[in-house]
Amino acid sequence: MLFISQSASELEVLCLDDKSQYHTLLRNPTRRKIIEILGEQEKIGFKELKETLGLGVGTVYYHLDMLSDYLSQDKQRKYRLNDKGRFLHKSLKGTVPPSTLDISETIGHQLTRWLFLASVFAKTAQPLKLLPIALLILFSGAFGSALASSQSLLFFYLPYTNYQFETTSLLYLFNWISLFFFSDLILYAFFKRVGGDLQLFVCISIASFPMAMFPYIFIFFSYEIAQYLLLALMIWSSMLLSSAYSFSKGIRLDRSIMLSLLMLFLNTAVLLFTGHLT
């Protein structure tokens, strides 16, 4: 897709190598609205843009991230269109991109959206509504871990525990709550994402669902069989953690997948270092 400026002083060319990239960016009405707002205003702060759009923190961050090649920020961290963005704004005046779905559209086809539970995570834009379900998942995992006498190590389980019922339950909760705080810290350190902490907590709790299921599976199967199922649940939970980061903090899915893999790697490294894994 090629857009050429008509002005003699604007001889630059905006070239999008992949047509699908153009459609992915502009078929979404929120991204079109952001380009239009910035095209009409010289610059705008995040809070003002969020209030204008009427969307959650994570959703606004997500769309700004998708448009990052077309935006810049000044010293006051206000957003404005760069040269490519201004050409993109001009192109909007002469074309109407096709409509799109919401943020979950980036995840792809139907099976993938199901695996990432896109429709569920999309509802976390109003986290208070899903908070009871999130807490139910966490406490179900804690209870199951203690019931099966299997100690939770976040993405891993030991087939035994030397702790009492209450302590085993608390350790499960401690692991996932710690992941929430650590994730919030990493997301700020690397992506400067602030706000949306309750949504992040709800999303991470939902992402723990596969690991919360494992203790109940372990009750009915030997550990030799259950450990293979644990591997599948671990992979699924890592995928859901990617969705958690993407929906709550607006991180692009490719980046959130890398972040969830980092968490899995750190979990494995710590367990190897402490001798829990051999």
C-alpha atoms as a PDB file:
ATOM      1  CA  MET A   1       0.000   0.000   0.000  1.00  0.00           C
ATOM      2  CA  LEU A   2       1.591   3.269  -1.103  1.00  0.00           C
ATOM      3  CA  PHE A   3       0.653   6.818  -0.092  1.00  0.00           C
ATOM      4  CA  ILE A   4       2.414   9.772  -1.771  1.00  0.00           C
ATOM      5  CA  SER A   5       2.136  13.332  -0.484  1.00  0.00           C
ATOM      6  CA  GLN A   6       0.706  15.843  -2.958  1.00  0.00           C
ATOM      7  CA  SER A   7       2.715  18.783  -1.597  1.00  0.00           C
ATOM      8  CA  ALA A   8       6.081  19.690  -3.101  1.00  0.00           C
ATOM      9  CA  SER A   9       7.457  20.030   0.406  1.00  0.00           C
ATOM     10  CA  GLU A  10       6.208  16.553   1.278  1.00  0.00           C
ATOM     11  CA  LEU A  11       7.981  14.228  -1.108  1.00  0.00           C
ATOM     12  CA  GLU A  12       8.314  11.404   1.386  1.00  0.00           C
ATOM     13  CA  VAL A  13       6.577   8.108   0.764  1.00  0.00           C
ATOM     14  CA  LEU A  14       4.815   5.960   3.294  1.00  0.00           C
ATOM     15  CA  CYS A  15       5.155   2.375   2.221  1.00  0.00           C
ATOM     16  CA  LEU A  16       3.538  -0.515   4.059  1.00  0.00           C
ATOM     17  CA  ASP A  17       5.203  -3.674   2.798  1.00  0.00           C
ATOM     18  CA  ASP A  18       2.338  -5.926   3.812  1.00  0.00           C
ATOM     19  CA  LYS A  19      -1.221  -4.924   2.941  1.00  0.00           C
ATOM     20  CA  SER A  20      -2.522  -7.009   5.805  1.00  0.00           C
ATOM     21  CA  GLN A  21      -0.555  -4.784   8.214  1.00  0.00           C
ATOM     22  CA  TYR A  22      -2.437  -1.728   6.944  1.00  0.00           C
ATOM     23  CA  HIS A  23      -5.801  -3.427   7.338  1.00  0.00           C
ATOM     24  CA  THR A  24      -4.909  -4.768  10.788  1.00  0.00           C
ATOM     25  CA  LEU A  25      -4.072  -1.249  11.913  1.00  0.00           C
ATOM     26  CA  LEU A  26      -6.895   0.739  10.375  1.00  0.00           C
ATOM     27  CA  ARG A  27      -9.867  -1.605  10.240  1.00  0.00           C
ATOM     28  CA  ASN A  28     -10.182  -1.214  14.000  1.00  0.00           C
ATOM     29  CA  PRO A  29     -12.409   1.800  14.798  1.00  0.00           C
ATOM     30  CA  THR A  30     -10.475   2.620  17.979  1.00  0.00           C
ATOM     31  CA  ARG A  31      -7.188   2.924  16.126  1.00  0.00           C
ATOM     32  CA  ARG A  32      -8.840   5.010  13.424  1.00  0.00           C
ATOM     33  CA  LYS A  33     -10.258   7.251  16.151  1.00  0.00           C
ATOM     34  CA  ILE A  34      -6.807   7.680  17.738  1.00  0.00           C
ATOM     35  CA  ILE A  35      -5.304   8.682  14.393  1.00  0.00           C
ATOM     36  CA  GLU A  36      -8.172  11.101  13.793  1.00  0.00           C
ATOM     37  CA  ILE A  37      -7.843  12.671  17.273  1.00  0.00           C
ATOM     38  CA  LEU A  38      -4.102  13.144  16.878  1.00  0.00           C
ATOM     39  CA  GLY A  39      -4.580  14.427  13.361  1.00  0.00           C
ATOM     40  CA  GLU A  40      -6.925  17.135  14.630  1.00  0.00           C
ATOM     41  CA  GLN A  41      -4.904  17.935  17.763  1.00  0.00           C
ATOM     42  CA  GLU A  42      -1.193  18.591  17.858  1.00  0.00           C
ATOM     43  CA  LYS A  43      -0.700  16.364  20.894  1.00  0.00           C
ATOM     44  CA  ILE A  44      -2.633  14.675  23.675  1.00  0.00           C
ATOM     45  CA  GLY A  45      -1.796  13.036  27.015  1.00  0.00           C
ATOM     46  CA  PHE A  46      -2.647   9.440  27.864  1.00  0.00           C
ATOM     47  CA  LYS A  47      -5.255  10.333  30.495  1.00  0.00           C
ATOM     48  CA  GLU A  48      -7.056  12.736  28.184  1.00  0.00           C
ATOM     49  CA  LEU A  49      -6.963  10.226  25.333  1.00  0.00           C
ATOM     50  CA  LYS A  50      -8.327   7.482  27.607  1.00  0.00           C
ATOM     51  CA  GLU A  51     -11.195   9.722  28.726  1.00  0.00           C
ATOM     52  CA  THR A  52     -11.960  10.737  25.139  1.00  0.00           C
ATOM     53  CA  LEU A  53     -12.085   7.133  23.974  1.00  0.00           C
ATOM     54  CA  GLY A  54     -13.912   5.900  27.077  1.00  0.00           C
ATOM     55  CA  LEU A  55     -11.838   2.721  27.223  1.00  0.00           C
ATOM     56  CA  GLY A  56      -9.815   0.876  29.843  1.00  0.00           C
ATOM     57  CA  VAL A  57      -6.116   1.447  30.476  1.00  0.00           C
ATOM     58  CA  GLY A  58      -4.993  -1.845  28.966  1.00  0.00           C
ATOM     59  CA  THR A  59      -7.072  -1.408  25.822  1.00  0.00           C
ATOM     60  CA  VAL A  60      -5.755   2.096  25.158  1.00  0.00           C
ATOM     61  CA  TYR A  61      -2.162   0.966  25.750  1.00  0.00           C
ATOM     62  CA  TYR A  62      -2.725  -1.922  23.365  1.00  0.00           C
ATOM     63  CA  HIS A  63      -3.887   0.270  20.486  1.00  0.00           C
ATOM     64  CA  LEU A  64      -1.125   2.817  21.113  1.00  0.00           C
ATOM     65  CA  ASP A  65       1.362  -0.038  20.991  1.00  0.00           C
ATOM     66  CA  MET A  66      -0.076  -1.233  17.688  1.00  0.00           C
ATOM     67  CA  LEU A  67       0.337   2.325  16.335  1.00  0.00           C
ATOM     68  CA  SER A  68       3.795   2.848  17.853  1.00  0.00           C
ATOM     69  CA  ASP A  69       5.495   3.187  14.449  1.00  0.00           C
ATOM     70  CA  TYR A  70       3.258   6.156  13.669  1.00  0.00           C
ATOM     71  CA  LEU A  71       3.433   8.012  16.987  1.00  0.00           C
ATOM     72  CA  SER A  72       5.997   9.868  19.055  1.00  0.00           C
ATOM     73  CA  GLN A  73       6.048  11.344  22.561  1.00  0.00           C
ATOM     74  CA  ASP A  74       7.407  14.680  23.708  1.00  0.00           C
ATOM     75  CA  LYS A  75       9.148  15.438  26.996  1.00  0.00           C
ATOM     76  CA  GLN A  76       5.774  15.642  28.755  1.00  0.00           C
ATOM     77  CA  ARG A  77       5.035  12.115  27.401  1.00  0.00           C
ATOM     78  CA  LYS A  78       2.173  13.461  25.296  1.00  0.00           C
ATOM     79  CA  TYR A  79       1.404  11.572  22.099  1.00  0.00           C
ATOM     80  CA  ARG A  80       1.616  13.121  18.642  1.00  0.00           C
ATOM     81  CA  LEU A  81       1.767  11.835  15.071  1.00  0.00           C
ATOM     82  CA  ASN A  82       5.191  11.458  13.503  1.00  0.00           C
ATOM     83  CA  ASP A  83       5.773  11.872   9.757  1.00  0.00           C
ATOM     84  CA  LYS A  84       4.466   8.401   8.966  1.00  0.00           C
ATOM     85  CA  GLY A  85       1.493   9.031  11.222  1.00  0.00           C
ATOM     86  CA  ARG A  86       0.584  12.257   9.455  1.00  0.00           C
ATOM     87  CA  PHE A  87       0.636  10.465   6.105  1.00  0.00           C
ATOM     88  CA  LEU A  88      -1.523   7.732   7.637  1.00  0.00           C
ATOM     89  CA  HIS A  89      -3.985  10.392   8.829  1.00  0.00           C
ATOM     90  CA  LYS A  90      -4.176  11.856   5.329  1.00  0.00           C
ATOM     91  CA  SER A  91      -4.901   8.406   3.916  1.00  0.00           C
ATOM     92  CA  LEU A  92      -7.886   8.013   6.233  1.00  0.00           C
ATOM     93  CA  LYS A  93      -9.610  10.966   4.578  1.00  0.00           C
ATOM     94  CA  GLY A  94      -9.822   9.100   1.300  1.00  0.00           C
ATOM     95  CA  THR A  95     -10.434   5.517   2.374  1.00  0.00           C
ATOM     96  CA  VAL A  96     -12.755   3.602   4.655  1.00  0.00           C
ATOM     97  CA  PRO A  97     -11.016   0.473   5.966  1.00  0.00           C
ATOM     98  CA  PRO A  98     -13.168  -2.588   6.659  1.00  0.00           C
ATOM     99  CA  SER A  99     -14.646  -2.998  10.117  1.00  0.00           C
ATOM    100  CA  THR A 100     -12.993  -5.220  12.677  1.00  0.00           C
ATOM    101  CA  LEU A 101     -13.510  -7.095  15.889  1.00  0.00           C
ATOM    102  CA  ASP A 102     -12.098  -5.932  19.206  1.00  0.00           C
ATOM    103  CA  ILE A 103      -8.640  -6.625  20.672  1.00  0.00           C
ATOM    104  CA  SER A 104      -9.203 -10.394  20.514  1.00  0.00           C
ATOM    105  CA  GLU A 105      -9.078 -10.211  16.703  1.00  0.00           C
ATOM    106  CA  THR A 106      -5.274 -10.108  16.841  1.00  0.00           C
ATOM    107  CA  ILE A 107      -5.183 -13.617  18.269  1.00  0.00           C
ATOM    108  CA  GLY A 108      -6.301 -15.143  14.994  1.00  0.00           C
ATOM    109  CA  HIS A 109      -8.601 -17.952  14.037  1.00  0.00           C
ATOM    110  CA  GLN A 110     -11.351 -19.491  16.132  1.00  0.00           C
ATOM    111  CA  LEU A 111      -9.379 -22.352  17.695  1.00  0.00           C
ATOM    112  CA  THR A 112      -6.557 -20.064  18.767  1.00  0.00           C
ATOM    113  CA  ARG A 113      -8.993 -17.556  20.280  1.00  0.00           C
ATOM    114  CA  TRP A 114     -10.488 -20.414  22.273  1.00  0.00           C
ATOM    115  CA  LEU A 115      -7.097 -21.614  23.499  1.00  0.00           C
ATOM    116  CA  PHE A 116      -6.220 -18.085  24.601  1.00  0.00           C
ATOM    117  CA  LEU A 117      -9.735 -17.611  26.092  1.00  0.00           C
ATOM    118  CA  ALA A 118      -9.934 -14.295  24.276  1.00  0.00           C
ATOM    119  CA  SER A 119     -13.669 -13.850  24.867  1.00  0.00           C
ATOM    120  CA  VAL A 120     -13.214 -14.413  28.614  1.00  0.00           C
ATOM    121  CA  PHE A 121     -10.270 -12.033  28.979  1.00  0.00           C
ATOM    122  CA  ALA A 122     -12.099  -9.385  26.952  1.00  0.00           C
ATOM    123  CA  LYS A 123     -14.709  -9.265  29.738  1.00  0.00           C
ATOM    124  CA  THR A 124     -12.018  -8.342  32.283  1.00  0.00           C
ATOM    125  CA  ALA A 125     -12.272  -4.735  31.073  1.00  0.00           C
ATOM    126  CA  GLN A 126     -14.773  -4.604  33.963  1.00  0.00           C
ATOM    127  CA  PRO A 127     -12.671  -6.580  36.462  1.00  0.00           C
ATOM    128  CA  LEU A 128     -15.042  -6.328  39.425  1.00  0.00           C
ATOM    129  CA  LYS A 129     -17.581  -8.475  37.579  1.00  0.00           C
ATOM    130  CA  LEU A 130     -15.087 -11.316  37.154  1.00  0.00           C
ATOM    131  CA  LEU A 131     -13.312 -10.886  40.488  1.00  0.00           C
ATOM    132  CA  PRO A 132     -15.488 -13.539  42.250  1.00  0.00           C
ATOM    133  CA  ILE A 133     -14.671 -16.056  39.492  1.00  0.00           C
ATOM    134  CA  ALA A 134     -10.972 -15.170  39.713  1.00  0.00           C
ATOM    135  CA  LEU A 135     -10.954 -15.717  43.472  1.00  0.00           C
ATOM    136  CA  LEU A 136     -12.885 -18.971  43.069  1.00  0.00           C
ATOM    137  CA  ILE A 137     -10.217 -20.260  40.676  1.00  0.00           C
ATOM    138  CA  LEU A 138      -7.416 -19.304  43.068  1.00  0.00           C
ATOM    139  CA  PHE A 139      -9.029 -20.835  46.142  1.00  0.00           C
ATOM    140  CA  SER A 140     -10.053 -23.960  44.210  1.00  0.00           C
ATOM    141  CA  GLY A 141      -6.435 -24.478  43.229  1.00  0.00           C
ATOM    142  CA  ALA A 142      -5.283 -23.906  46.794  1.00  0.00           C
ATOM    143  CA  PHE A 143      -7.833 -26.350  48.187  1.00  0.00           C
ATOM    144  CA  GLY A 144      -7.064 -28.954  45.518  1.00  0.00           C
ATOM    145  CA  SER A 145      -3.332 -28.698  46.125  1.00  0.00           C
ATOM    146  CA  ALA A 146      -3.821 -29.360  49.829  1.00  0.00           C
ATOM    147  CA  LEU A 147      -6.410 -32.087  49.188  1.00  0.00           C
ATOM    148  CA  ALA A 148      -4.041 -33.954  46.862  1.00  0.00           C
ATOM    149  CA  SER A 149      -1.069 -33.332  49.202  1.00  0.00           C
ATOM    150  CA  SER A 150       0.803 -31.975  46.189  1.00  0.00           C
ATOM    151  CA  GLN A 151       2.888 -28.855  46.735  1.00  0.00           C
ATOM    152  CA  SER A 152       2.416 -26.109  44.147  1.00  0.00           C
ATOM    153  CA  LEU A 153       5.550 -24.580  42.651  1.00  0.00           C
ATOM    154  CA  LEU A 154       3.667 -22.175  40.367  1.00  0.00           C
ATOM    155  CA  PHE A 155       3.849 -23.949  36.975  1.00  0.00           C
ATOM    156  CA  PHE A 156       5.078 -27.148  38.624  1.00  0.00           C
ATOM    157  CA  TYR A 157       3.924 -29.503  41.355  1.00  0.00           C
ATOM    158  CA  LEU A 158       5.729 -31.832  43.727  1.00  0.00           C
ATOM    159  CA  PRO A 159       3.993 -35.231  44.082  1.00  0.00           C
ATOM    160  CA  TYR A 160       4.227 -34.833  47.864  1.00  0.00           C
ATOM    161  CA  THR A 161       4.364 -32.189  50.578  1.00  0.00           C
ATOM    162  CA  ASN A 162       5.702 -32.081  54.098  1.00  0.00           C
ATOM    163  CA  TYR A 163       3.381 -29.227  55.006  1.00  0.00           C
ATOM    164  CA  GLN A 164       0.002 -29.339  56.675  1.00  0.00           C
ATOM    165  CA  PHE A 165      -3.253 -28.729  54.799  1.00  0.00           C
ATOM    166  CA  GLU A 166      -3.471 -25.018  55.608  1.00  0.00           C
ATOM    167  CA  THR A 167       0.180 -24.321  54.803  1.00  0.00           C
ATOM    168  CA  THR A 168      -0.043 -26.120  51.450  1.00  0.00           C
ATOM    169  CA  SER A 169      -3.091 -24.029  50.555  1.00  0.00           C
ATOM    170  CA  LEU A 170      -1.374 -20.798  51.536  1.00  0.00           C
ATOM    171  CA  LEU A 171       1.717 -21.705  49.510  1.00  0.00           C
ATOM    172  CA  TYR A 172      -0.428 -22.078  46.399  1.00  0.00           C
ATOM    173  CA  LEU A 173      -1.976 -18.639  46.944  1.00  0.00           C
ATOM    174  CA  PHE A 174       1.425 -17.136  47.747  1.00  0.00           C
ATOM    175  CA  ASN A 175       2.886 -18.403  44.443  1.00  0.00           C
ATOM    176  CA  TRP A 176       0.223 -16.857  42.214  1.00  0.00           C
ATOM    177  CA  ILE A 177      -0.090 -13.619  44.171  1.00  0.00           C
ATOM    178  CA  SER A 178       3.692 -13.268  43.973  1.00  0.00           C
ATOM    179  CA  LEU A 179       3.481 -13.777  40.216  1.00  0.00           C
ATOM    180  CA  PHE A 180       0.972 -10.934  40.057  1.00  0.00           C
ATOM    181  CA  PHE A 181       3.282  -8.497  41.888  1.00  0.00           C
ATOM    182  CA  PHE A 182       6.357  -9.606  39.941  1.00  0.00           C
ATOM    183  CA  SER A 183       4.483  -9.307  36.636  1.00  0.00           C
ATOM    184  CA  ASP A 184       3.285  -5.827  37.537  1.00  0.00           C
ATOM    185  CA  LEU A 185       6.886  -4.822  38.298  1.00  0.00           C
ATOM    186  CA  ILE A 186       8.244  -6.294  35.043  1.00  0.00           C
ATOM    187  CA  LEU A 187       5.478  -4.701  32.966  1.00  0.00           C
ATOM    188  CA  TYR A 188       6.316  -1.311  34.405  1.00  0.00           C
ATOM    189  CA  ALA A 189      10.081  -1.769  34.097  1.00  0.00           C
ATOM    190  CA  PHE A 190      10.045  -2.873  30.464  1.00  0.00           C
ATOM    191  CA  PHE A 191       6.850  -1.343  29.054  1.00  0.00           C
ATOM    192  CA  LYS A 192       6.075   1.537  31.468  1.00  0.00           C
ATOM    193  CA  ARG A 193       2.559   0.213  31.943  1.00  0.00           C
ATOM    194  CA  VAL A 194       0.738   1.757  34.887  1.00  0.00           C
ATOM    195  CA  GLY A 195      -2.820   1.298  36.086  1.00  0.00           C
ATOM    196  CA  GLY A 196      -5.160  -1.612  35.451  1.00  0.00           C
ATOM    197  CA  ASP A 197      -3.745  -3.564  38.411  1.00  0.00           C
ATOM    198  CA  LEU A 198      -7.066  -5.096  39.432  1.00  0.00           C
ATOM    199  CA  GLN A 199      -7.621  -6.251  35.862  1.00  0.00           C
ATOM    200  CA  LEU A 200      -4.122  -7.761  35.850  1.00  0.00           C
ATOM    201  CA  PHE A 201      -4.871  -9.622  39.095  1.00  0.00           C
ATOM    202  CA  VAL A 202      -8.133 -10.970  37.697  1.00  0.00           C
ATOM    203  CA  CYS A 203      -6.450 -11.978  34.432  1.00  0.00           C
ATOM    204  CA  ILE A 204      -3.565 -13.784  36.152  1.00  0.00           C
ATOM    205  CA  SER A 205      -6.022 -15.599  38.411  1.00  0.00           C
ATOM    206  CA  ILE A 206      -7.948 -16.774  35.339  1.00  0.00           C
ATOM    207  CA  ALA A 207      -4.652 -17.791  33.715  1.00  0.00           C
ATOM    208  CA  SER A 208      -4.014 -20.064  36.709  1.00  0.00           C
ATOM    209  CA  PHE A 209      -7.102 -22.142  35.857  1.00  0.00           C
ATOM    210  CA  PRO A 210      -5.223 -25.028  34.160  1.00  0.00           C
ATOM    211  CA  MET A 211      -2.813 -25.303  37.098  1.00  0.00           C
ATOM    212  CA  ALA A 212      -5.740 -25.173  39.521  1.00  0.00           C
ATOM    213  CA  MET A 213      -7.241 -28.186  37.725  1.00  0.00           C
ATOM    214  CA  PHE A 214      -4.149 -30.373  38.087  1.00  0.00           C
ATOM    215  CA  PRO A 215      -4.479 -31.403  41.772  1.00  0.00           C
ATOM    216  CA  TYR A 216      -7.934 -32.837  41.082  1.00  0.00           C
ATOM    217  CA  ILE A 217      -6.510 -34.800  38.144  1.00  0.00           C
ATOM    218  CA  PHE A 218      -3.668 -36.002  40.371  1.00  0.00           C
ATOM    219  CA  ILE A 219      -6.180 -37.457  42.830  1.00  0.00           C
ATOM    220  CA  PHE A 220      -7.508 -39.872  40.180  1.00  0.00           C
ATOM    221  CA  PHE A 221      -4.292 -40.685  38.300  1.00  0.00           C
ATOM    222  CA  SER A 222      -0.831 -41.806  39.284  1.00  0.00           C
ATOM    223  CA  TYR A 223       1.851 -39.149  39.185  1.00  0.00           C
ATOM    224  CA  GLU A 224       3.534 -40.933  36.251  1.00  0.00           C
ATOM    225  CA  ILE A 225       0.406 -40.358  34.152  1.00  0.00           C
ATOM    226  CA  ALA A 226      -0.520 -37.007  35.665  1.00  0.00           C
ATOM    227  CA  GLN A 227       2.875 -35.462  34.897  1.00  0.00           C
ATOM    228  CA  TYR A 228       2.206 -35.732  31.159  1.00  0.00           C
ATOM    229  CA  LEU A 229      -1.105 -33.975  31.657  1.00  0.00           C
ATOM    230  CA  LEU A 230       0.744 -31.415  33.781  1.00  0.00           C
ATOM    231  CA  LEU A 231       2.950 -30.566  30.794  1.00  0.00           C
ATOM    232  CA  ALA A 232      -0.117 -29.828  28.640  1.00  0.00           C
ATOM    233  CA  LEU A 233      -1.717 -27.757  31.409  1.00  0.00           C
ATOM    234  CA  MET A 234       1.550 -25.876  31.936  1.00  0.00           C
ATOM    235  CA  ILE A 235       1.659 -24.908  28.254  1.00  0.00           C
ATOM    236  CA  TRP A 236      -1.987 -23.853  28.307  1.00  0.00           C
ATOM    237  CA  SER A 237      -1.513 -21.796  31.468  1.00  0.00           C
ATOM    238  CA  SER A 238       1.485 -20.067  29.860  1.00  0.00           C
ATOM    239  CA  MET A 239      -0.692 -19.206  26.847  1.00  0.00           C
ATOM    240  CA  LEU A 240      -3.369 -17.798  29.142  1.00  0.00           C
ATOM    241  CA  LEU A 241      -0.751 -15.753  30.962  1.00  0.00           C
ATOM    242  CA  SER A 242       0.102 -14.209  27.592  1.00  0.00           C
ATOM    243  CA  SER A 243      -3.547 -13.219  27.207  1.00  0.00           C
ATOM    244  CA  ALA A 244      -3.514 -11.851  30.759  1.00  0.00           C
ATOM    245  CA  TYR A 245      -0.661  -9.472  29.943  1.00  0.00           C
ATOM    246  CA  SER A 246      -2.124  -8.538  26.573  1.00  0.00           C
ATOM    247  CA  PHE A 247      -5.617  -7.698  27.791  1.00  0.00           C
ATOM    248  CA  SER A 248      -4.813  -6.127  31.166  1.00  0.00           C
ATOM    249  CA  LYS A 249      -1.811  -4.017  30.174  1.00  0.00           C
ATOM    250  CA  GLY A 250      -2.255  -3.677  26.424  1.00  0.00           C
ATOM    251  CA  ILE A 251       0.899  -5.590  25.498  1.00  0.00           C
ATOM    252  CA  ARG A 252       0.987  -6.894  21.933  1.00  0.00           C
ATOM    253  CA  LEU A 253       0.476 -10.650  21.869  1.00  0.00           C
ATOM    254  CA  ASP A 254       3.900 -11.424  20.397  1.00  0.00           C
ATOM    255  CA  ARG A 255       5.534  -9.534  23.270  1.00  0.00           C
ATOM    256  CA  SER A 256       3.251 -10.952  25.938  1.00  0.00           C
ATOM    257  CA  ILE A 257       4.052 -14.500  24.760  1.00  0.00           C
ATOM    258  CA  MET A 258       7.751 -13.782  25.202  1.00  0.00           C
ATOM    259  CA  LEU A 259       7.034 -12.386  28.672  1.00  0.00           C
ATOM    260  CA  SER A 260       5.051 -15.449  29.740  1.00  0.00           C
ATOM    261  CA  LEU A 261       7.860 -17.690  28.474  1.00  0.00           C
ATOM    262  CA  LEU A 262      10.276 -15.611  30.549  1.00  0.00           C
ATOM    263  CA  MET A 263       8.141 -16.266  33.642  1.00  0.00           C
ATOM    264  CA  LEU A 264       8.145 -19.991  32.894  1.00  0.00           C
ATOM    265  CA  PHE A 265      11.911 -19.928  32.387  1.00  0.00           C
ATOM    266  CA  LEU A 266      12.500 -18.062  35.668  1.00  0.00           C
ATOM    267  CA  ASN A 267      10.218 -20.492  37.494  1.00  0.00           C
ATOM    268  CA  THR A 268      12.213 -23.427  36.102  1.00  0.00           C
ATOM    269  CA  ALA A 269      15.565 -21.764  36.873  1.00  0.00           C
ATOM    270  CA  VAL A 270      14.623 -21.069  40.497  1.00  0.00           C
ATOM    271  CA  LEU A 271      13.456 -24.659  41.027  1.00  0.00           C
ATOM    272  CA  LEU A 272      16.636 -26.056  39.487  1.00  0.00           C
ATOM    273  CA  PHE A 273      18.748 -23.770  41.663  1.00  0.00           C
ATOM    274  CA  THR A 274      16.889 -24.782  44.828  1.00  0.00           C
ATOM    275  CA  GLY A 275      17.049 -28.478  43.954  1.00  0.00           C
ATOM    276  CA  HIS A 276      13.311 -29.018  43.551  1.00  0.00           C
ATOM    277  CA  LEU A 277      13.845 -30.166  39.967  1.00  0.00           C
ATOM    278  CA  THR A 278      16.485 -32.715  39.040  1.00  0.00           C
END
